[in-house]
Amino acid sequence: MAKKLTSRKPLFGNLRSHSCRATKTRQNLNLQTKTVDGVKVTLTNREWKTMKKAA
């Protein structure tokens, strides 16, 4: 089982049609499972790119 490191949550909002009807929507995170130092971790893609840039 992968260890979850991120503390970010999905974003919520409304989809608006041309007639201004509102439908609830949810934007999920781009979670990726990677192996770091022999441990499987679940990170967002943005966090993974930041870690690669720092290394």
PDB file of N, CA and C in Angstrom:
ATOM      1  N   MET A   1       0.843  -1.185   0.000  1.00  0.00           N
ATOM      2  CA  MET A   1       0.000   0.000   0.000  1.00  0.00           C
ATOM      3  C   MET A   1       0.881   1.238   0.000  1.00  0.00           C
ATOM      4  N   ALA A   2       0.525   2.204  -0.802  1.00  0.00           N
ATOM      5  CA  ALA A   2       1.323   3.416  -0.934  1.00  0.00           C
ATOM      6  C   ALA A   2       1.013   4.385   0.205  1.00  0.00           C
ATOM      7  N   LYS A   3       2.044   5.066   0.644  1.00  0.00           N
ATOM      8  CA  LYS A   3       1.912   6.056   1.695  1.00  0.00           C
ATOM      9  C   LYS A   3       1.492   7.383   1.067  1.00  0.00           C
ATOM     10  N   LYS A   4       0.457   8.017   1.598  1.00  0.00           N
ATOM     11  CA  LYS A   4      -0.048   9.261   1.025  1.00  0.00           C
ATOM     12  C   LYS A   4       0.651  10.442   1.700  1.00  0.00           C
ATOM     13  N   LEU A   5       1.350  11.260   0.908  1.00  0.00           N
ATOM     14  CA  LEU A   5       2.099  12.380   1.455  1.00  0.00           C
ATOM     15  C   LEU A   5       1.399  13.716   1.282  1.00  0.00           C
ATOM     16  N   THR A   6       0.506  13.822   0.325  1.00  0.00           N
ATOM     17  CA  THR A   6      -0.102  15.111   0.034  1.00  0.00           C
ATOM     18  C   THR A   6      -1.230  15.432   1.008  1.00  0.00           C
ATOM     19  N   SER A   7      -1.431  16.713   1.268  1.00  0.00           N
ATOM     20  CA  SER A   7      -2.527  17.137   2.141  1.00  0.00           C
ATOM     21  C   SER A   7      -3.577  17.912   1.355  1.00  0.00           C
ATOM     22  N   ARG A   8      -3.419  17.964   0.026  1.00  0.00           N
ATOM     23  CA  ARG A   8      -4.350  18.706  -0.810  1.00  0.00           C
ATOM     24  C   ARG A   8      -5.650  17.942  -0.982  1.00  0.00           C
ATOM     25  N   LYS A   9      -6.729  18.675  -1.215  1.00  0.00           N
ATOM     26  CA  LYS A   9      -8.063  18.104  -1.361  1.00  0.00           C
ATOM     27  C   LYS A   9      -8.609  18.464  -2.746  1.00  0.00           C
ATOM     28  N   PRO A  10      -9.631  17.746  -3.233  1.00  0.00           N
ATOM     29  CA  PRO A  10     -10.232  18.104  -4.513  1.00  0.00           C
ATOM     30  C   PRO A  10     -10.909  19.476  -4.455  1.00  0.00           C
ATOM     31  N   LEU A  11     -11.012  20.112  -5.622  1.00  0.00           N
ATOM     32  CA  LEU A  11     -11.709  21.396  -5.730  1.00  0.00           C
ATOM     33  C   LEU A  11     -13.156  21.136  -6.130  1.00  0.00           C
ATOM     34  N   PHE A  12     -14.079  21.944  -5.608  1.00  0.00           N
ATOM     35  CA  PHE A  12     -15.498  21.826  -5.917  1.00  0.00           C
ATOM     36  C   PHE A  12     -15.990  23.114  -6.548  1.00  0.00           C
ATOM     37  N   GLY A  13     -16.977  23.002  -7.401  1.00  0.00           N
ATOM     38  CA  GLY A  13     -17.540  24.187  -8.036  1.00  0.00           C
ATOM     39  C   GLY A  13     -18.781  23.823  -8.818  1.00  0.00           C
ATOM     40  N   ASN A  14     -19.165  24.726  -9.708  1.00  0.00           N
ATOM     41  CA  ASN A  14     -20.352  24.514 -10.529  1.00  0.00           C
ATOM     42  C   ASN A  14     -19.992  24.548 -11.999  1.00  0.00           C
ATOM     43  N   LEU A  15     -20.658  23.686 -12.783  1.00  0.00           N
ATOM     44  CA  LEU A  15     -20.630  23.800 -14.231  1.00  0.00           C
ATOM     45  C   LEU A  15     -21.817  24.670 -14.612  1.00  0.00           C
ATOM     46  N   ARG A  16     -21.589  25.663 -15.460  1.00  0.00           N
ATOM     47  CA  ARG A  16     -22.664  26.573 -15.856  1.00  0.00           C
ATOM     48  C   ARG A  16     -23.030  26.351 -17.309  1.00  0.00           C
ATOM     49  N   SER A  17     -24.302  26.138 -17.583  1.00  0.00           N
ATOM     50  CA  SER A  17     -24.769  26.011 -18.963  1.00  0.00           C
ATOM     51  C   SER A  17     -25.084  27.408 -19.500  1.00  0.00           C
ATOM     52  N   HIS A  18     -25.449  27.480 -20.768  1.00  0.00           N
ATOM     53  CA  HIS A  18     -25.803  28.773 -21.356  1.00  0.00           C
ATOM     54  C   HIS A  18     -27.059  29.348 -20.717  1.00  0.00           C
ATOM     55  N   SER A  19     -27.916  28.481 -20.198  1.00  0.00           N
ATOM     56  CA  SER A  19     -29.132  28.968 -19.537  1.00  0.00           C
ATOM     57  C   SER A  19     -28.888  29.244 -18.054  1.00  0.00           C
ATOM     58  N   CYS A  20     -27.633  29.217 -17.629  1.00  0.00           N
ATOM     59  CA  CYS A  20     -27.207  29.538 -16.248  1.00  0.00           C
ATOM     60  C   CYS A  20     -27.645  28.504 -15.219  1.00  0.00           C
ATOM     61  N   ARG A  21     -27.939  27.277 -15.659  1.00  0.00           N
ATOM     62  CA  ARG A  21     -28.198  26.210 -14.692  1.00  0.00           C
ATOM     63  C   ARG A  21     -26.874  25.785 -14.090  1.00  0.00           C
ATOM     64  N   ALA A  22     -26.871  25.469 -12.803  1.00  0.00           N
ATOM     65  CA  ALA A  22     -25.642  25.085 -12.113  1.00  0.00           C
ATOM     66  C   ALA A  22     -25.676  23.601 -11.785  1.00  0.00           C
ATOM     67  N   THR A  23     -24.617  22.879 -12.157  1.00  0.00           N
ATOM     68  CA  THR A  23     -24.467  21.471 -11.835  1.00  0.00           C
ATOM     69  C   THR A  23     -23.180  21.322 -11.043  1.00  0.00           C
ATOM     70  N   LYS A  24     -23.258  20.690  -9.877  1.00  0.00           N
ATOM     71  CA  LYS A  24     -22.068  20.515  -9.049  1.00  0.00           C
ATOM     72  C   LYS A  24     -21.021  19.681  -9.771  1.00  0.00           C
ATOM     73  N   THR A  25     -19.760  20.077  -9.639  1.00  0.00           N
ATOM     74  CA  THR A  25     -18.667  19.344 -10.254  1.00  0.00           C
ATOM     75  C   THR A  25     -17.508  19.269  -9.271  1.00  0.00           C
ATOM     76  N   ARG A  26     -16.611  18.361  -9.534  1.00  0.00           N
ATOM     77  CA  ARG A  26     -15.471  18.133  -8.646  1.00  0.00           C
ATOM     78  C   ARG A  26     -14.229  17.915  -9.495  1.00  0.00           C
ATOM     79  N   GLN A  27     -13.151  18.633  -9.180  1.00  0.00           N
ATOM     80  CA  GLN A  27     -11.883  18.468  -9.884  1.00  0.00           C
ATOM     81  C   GLN A  27     -10.949  17.669  -8.980  1.00  0.00           C
ATOM     82  N   ASN A  28     -10.675  16.428  -9.374  1.00  0.00           N
ATOM     83  CA  ASN A  28      -9.806  15.575  -8.583  1.00  0.00           C
ATOM     84  C   ASN A  28      -8.351  15.914  -8.829  1.00  0.00           C
ATOM     85  N   LEU A  29      -7.495  15.525  -7.894  1.00  0.00           N
ATOM     86  CA  LEU A  29      -6.059  15.749  -8.017  1.00  0.00           C
ATOM     87  C   LEU A  29      -5.456  14.731  -8.971  1.00  0.00           C
ATOM     88  N   ASN A  30      -4.346  15.087  -9.568  1.00  0.00           N
ATOM     89  CA  ASN A  30      -3.621  14.189 -10.458  1.00  0.00           C
ATOM     90  C   ASN A  30      -2.637  13.380  -9.601  1.00  0.00           C
ATOM     91  N   LEU A  31      -3.146  12.348  -8.914  1.00  0.00           N
ATOM     92  CA  LEU A  31      -2.327  11.553  -8.002  1.00  0.00           C
ATOM     93  C   LEU A  31      -1.533  10.506  -8.768  1.00  0.00           C
ATOM     94  N   GLN A  32      -0.272  10.396  -8.446  1.00  0.00           N
ATOM     95  CA  GLN A  32       0.632   9.432  -9.062  1.00  0.00           C
ATOM     96  C   GLN A  32       1.278   8.604  -7.949  1.00  0.00           C
ATOM     97  N   THR A  33       1.440   7.311  -8.178  1.00  0.00           N
ATOM     98  CA  THR A  33       2.143   6.447  -7.232  1.00  0.00           C
ATOM     99  C   THR A  33       3.557   6.241  -7.751  1.00  0.00           C
ATOM    100  N   LYS A  34       4.534   6.654  -6.951  1.00  0.00           N
ATOM    101  CA  LYS A  34       5.942   6.562  -7.329  1.00  0.00           C
ATOM    102  C   LYS A  34       6.703   5.878  -6.204  1.00  0.00           C
ATOM    103  N   THR A  35       7.875   5.338  -6.528  1.00  0.00           N
ATOM    104  CA  THR A  35       8.744   4.740  -5.521  1.00  0.00           C
ATOM    105  C   THR A  35       9.883   5.710  -5.237  1.00  0.00           C
ATOM    106  N   VAL A  36       9.993   6.148  -3.983  1.00  0.00           N
ATOM    107  CA  VAL A  36      11.044   7.077  -3.556  1.00  0.00           C
ATOM    108  C   VAL A  36      11.826   6.403  -2.444  1.00  0.00           C
ATOM    109  N   ASP A  37      13.106   6.178  -2.664  1.00  0.00           N
ATOM    110  CA  ASP A  37      13.985   5.523  -1.686  1.00  0.00           C
ATOM    111  C   ASP A  37      13.433   4.172  -1.241  1.00  0.00           C
ATOM    112  N   GLY A  38      12.851   3.409  -2.168  1.00  0.00           N
ATOM    113  CA  GLY A  38      12.337   2.082  -1.873  1.00  0.00           C
ATOM    114  C   GLY A  38      10.973   2.052  -1.211  1.00  0.00           C
ATOM    115  N   VAL A  39      10.312   3.212  -1.068  1.00  0.00           N
ATOM    116  CA  VAL A  39       8.993   3.289  -0.440  1.00  0.00           C
ATOM    117  C   VAL A  39       8.011   3.825  -1.467  1.00  0.00           C
ATOM    118  N   LYS A  40       6.850   3.145  -1.609  1.00  0.00           N
ATOM    119  CA  LYS A  40       5.833   3.637  -2.533  1.00  0.00           C
ATOM    120  C   LYS A  40       5.089   4.794  -1.880  1.00  0.00           C
ATOM    121  N   VAL A  41       5.012   5.911  -2.590  1.00  0.00           N
ATOM    122  CA  VAL A  41       4.313   7.088  -2.071  1.00  0.00           C
ATOM    123  C   VAL A  41       3.324   7.573  -3.125  1.00  0.00           C
ATOM    124  N   THR A  42       2.240   8.196  -2.658  1.00  0.00           N
ATOM    125  CA  THR A  42       1.252   8.790  -3.543  1.00  0.00           C
ATOM    126  C   THR A  42       1.396  10.299  -3.458  1.00  0.00           C
ATOM    127  N   LEU A  43       1.741  10.908  -4.588  1.00  0.00           N
ATOM    128  CA  LEU A  43       1.957  12.350  -4.660  1.00  0.00           C
ATOM    129  C   LEU A  43       1.127  12.927  -5.786  1.00  0.00           C
ATOM    130  N   THR A  44       0.882  14.230  -5.739  1.00  0.00           N
ATOM    131  CA  THR A  44       0.298  14.887  -6.891  1.00  0.00           C
ATOM    132  C   THR A  44       1.405  15.082  -7.918  1.00  0.00           C
ATOM    133  N   ASN A  45       1.014  15.243  -9.165  1.00  0.00           N
ATOM    134  CA  ASN A  45       2.003  15.402 -10.218  1.00  0.00           C
ATOM    135  C   ASN A  45       2.828  16.666 -10.002  1.00  0.00           C
ATOM    136  N   ARG A  46       2.223  17.727  -9.497  1.00  0.00           N
ATOM    137  CA  ARG A  46       2.946  18.972  -9.241  1.00  0.00           C
ATOM    138  C   ARG A  46       4.029  18.766  -8.180  1.00  0.00           C
ATOM    139  N   GLU A  47       3.710  18.030  -7.105  1.00  0.00           N
ATOM    140  CA  GLU A  47       4.694  17.761  -6.058  1.00  0.00           C
ATOM    141  C   GLU A  47       5.837  16.903  -6.599  1.00  0.00           C
ATOM    142  N   TRP A  48       5.513  15.936  -7.464  1.00  0.00           N
ATOM    143  CA  TRP A  48       6.534  15.074  -8.044  1.00  0.00           C
ATOM    144  C   TRP A  48       7.498  15.887  -8.905  1.00  0.00           C
ATOM    145  N   LYS A  49       6.946  16.804  -9.725  1.00  0.00           N
ATOM    146  CA  LYS A  49       7.799  17.653 -10.574  1.00  0.00           C
ATOM    147  C   LYS A  49       8.700  18.546  -9.726  1.00  0.00           C
ATOM    148  N   THR A  50       8.188  19.052  -8.608  1.00  0.00           N
ATOM    149  CA  THR A  50       8.974  19.899  -7.717  1.00  0.00           C
ATOM    150  C   THR A  50      10.103  19.105  -7.083  1.00  0.00           C
ATOM    151  N   MET A  51       9.828  17.853  -6.687  1.00  0.00           N
ATOM    152  CA  MET A  51      10.859  17.013  -6.093  1.00  0.00           C
ATOM    153  C   MET A  51      11.956  16.693  -7.121  1.00  0.00           C
ATOM    154  N   LYS A  52      11.562  16.419  -8.370  1.00  0.00           N
ATOM    155  CA  LYS A  52      12.534  16.137  -9.409  1.00  0.00           C
ATOM    156  C   LYS A  52      13.411  17.363  -9.687  1.00  0.00           C
ATOM    157  N   LYS A  53      12.807  18.546  -9.653  1.00  0.00           N
ATOM    158  CA  LYS A  53      13.553  19.773  -9.924  1.00  0.00           C
ATOM    159  C   LYS A  53      14.565  20.056  -8.809  1.00  0.00           C
ATOM    160  N   ALA A  54      14.195  19.749  -7.553  1.00  0.00           N
ATOM    161  CA  ALA A  54      15.088  20.000  -6.421  1.00  0.00           C
ATOM    162  C   ALA A  54      16.262  19.020  -6.388  1.00  0.00           C
ATOM    163  N   ALA A  55      16.074  17.839  -6.958  1.00  0.00           N
ATOM    164  CA  ALA A  55      17.131  16.813  -6.910  1.00  0.00           C
ATOM    165  C   ALA A  55      18.235  17.080  -7.910  1.00  0.00           C
TER     166      ALA A  55
END
